[in-house]
Protein backbone atom coordinates (compact mmCIF):
# COMPACT_ATOMS: atom_id res chain seq x y z
CA UNK A 1 20.78 2.73 33.88
CA UNK A 2 19.64 4.46 30.68
CA UNK A 3 16.60 3.14 28.87
CA UNK A 4 16.31 3.12 25.09
CA UNK A 5 14.02 6.16 25.31
CA UNK A 6 16.61 8.02 27.44
CA UNK A 7 19.27 7.34 24.80
CA UNK A 8 17.01 8.41 21.93
CA UNK A 9 15.91 11.53 23.82
CA UNK A 10 19.59 12.42 24.32
CA UNK A 11 20.39 12.35 20.59
CA UNK A 12 20.31 15.54 18.57
CA UNK A 13 17.56 15.59 15.90
CA UNK A 14 18.82 16.53 12.43
CA UNK A 15 17.02 16.78 9.11
CA UNK A 16 15.92 13.19 8.36
CA UNK A 17 17.22 11.51 11.49
CA UNK A 18 19.47 11.84 14.51
CA UNK A 19 23.06 12.81 15.20
CA UNK A 20 24.49 10.03 17.36
CA UNK A 21 28.07 11.13 18.00
CA UNK A 22 31.17 12.93 16.77
CA UNK A 23 34.14 10.71 15.99
CA UNK A 24 36.76 13.44 15.55
CA UNK A 25 37.08 17.00 14.19
CA UNK A 26 35.87 15.91 10.72
CA UNK A 27 33.55 12.92 11.00
CA UNK A 28 30.38 11.94 12.81
CA UNK A 29 27.90 9.06 13.01
CA UNK A 30 24.24 9.72 12.25
CA UNK A 31 21.13 7.54 11.92
CA UNK A 32 18.83 8.49 9.03
CA UNK A 33 15.29 7.36 8.22
CA UNK A 34 14.86 6.10 4.68
CA UNK A 35 11.67 4.98 2.94
CA UNK A 36 11.97 1.30 3.92
CA UNK A 37 14.78 1.22 6.45
CA UNK A 38 16.99 3.13 8.85
CA UNK A 39 20.58 3.84 7.89
CA UNK A 40 23.74 4.32 9.93
CA UNK A 41 25.90 6.84 8.10
CA UNK A 42 29.48 7.98 8.44
CA UNK A 43 29.49 11.61 7.49
CA UNK A 44 31.20 14.91 7.72
CA UNK A 45 30.39 17.05 10.72
CA UNK A 46 27.63 19.40 9.73
CA UNK A 47 25.48 16.49 8.43
CA UNK A 48 25.55 17.57 4.78
CA UNK A 49 27.98 15.11 3.18
CA UNK A 50 27.91 11.37 3.91
CA UNK A 51 30.85 9.13 3.10
CA UNK A 52 29.17 5.76 3.55
CA UNK A 53 25.96 4.16 4.82
CA UNK A 54 24.65 0.83 6.08
CA UNK A 55 20.96 -0.17 5.93
CA UNK A 56 18.93 -1.80 8.70
CA UNK A 57 15.80 -3.12 6.97
CA UNK A 58 12.39 -2.14 8.30
CA UNK A 59 10.45 -4.50 6.03
CA UNK A 60 10.22 -8.18 5.20
CA UNK A 61 11.57 -10.92 7.44
CA UNK A 62 14.95 -11.51 9.07
CA UNK A 63 17.10 -14.61 8.50
CA UNK A 64 15.09 -16.44 11.19
CA UNK A 65 11.73 -15.65 9.59
CA UNK A 66 10.73 -12.99 12.10
CA UNK A 67 8.94 -9.95 10.68
CA UNK A 68 10.88 -6.70 10.61
CA UNK A 69 9.43 -3.28 11.37
CA UNK A 70 10.63 0.29 11.14
CA UNK A 71 10.61 0.40 14.94
CA UNK A 72 12.99 -2.54 15.30
CA UNK A 73 15.12 -1.25 12.40
CA UNK A 74 15.49 2.10 14.18
CA UNK A 75 16.49 0.41 17.44
CA UNK A 76 19.01 -1.85 15.68
CA UNK A 77 20.53 1.08 13.79
CA UNK A 78 20.80 3.25 16.92
CA UNK A 79 22.40 0.44 18.93
CA UNK A 80 24.91 -0.23 16.15
CA UNK A 81 25.72 3.48 15.77
CA UNK A 82 26.32 3.92 19.51
CA UNK A 83 28.65 0.91 19.66
CA UNK A 84 30.51 1.64 16.40
CA UNK A 85 33.91 3.35 16.48
CA UNK A 86 33.77 4.48 12.83
CA UNK A 87 36.20 1.91 11.46
CA UNK A 88 35.17 -1.01 9.29
CA UNK A 89 31.41 -1.47 9.30
CA UNK A 90 28.84 -1.22 12.10
CA UNK A 91 27.50 -4.53 13.43
CA UNK A 92 24.32 -6.17 12.21
CA UNK A 93 23.61 -4.21 9.03
CA UNK A 94 21.55 -5.77 6.24
CA UNK A 95 23.06 -3.99 3.22
CA UNK A 96 25.77 -1.48 2.42
CA UNK A 97 24.09 1.59 0.98
CA UNK A 98 26.97 3.43 -0.67
């Protein structure tokens, strides 16, 4: 069984985040660190152009009043990116970025 650290260690670091997976010959899913959150992005392979992004907040409180952190935001974003097939929106995001 893979641990969270095993999964993170297996991702490819890119400028500003991690490459999670390729979807096809054109598109990929990456997780990018922003100032106050982590973002799951649907982009073009090569990690230069992003078509859309979804934010996972690393500040404030969630809908149940629990404090958020950049650590939990990163874990939520990575889990969503791994599970997401690239259609619709990834699960559990807090805000559409673009």
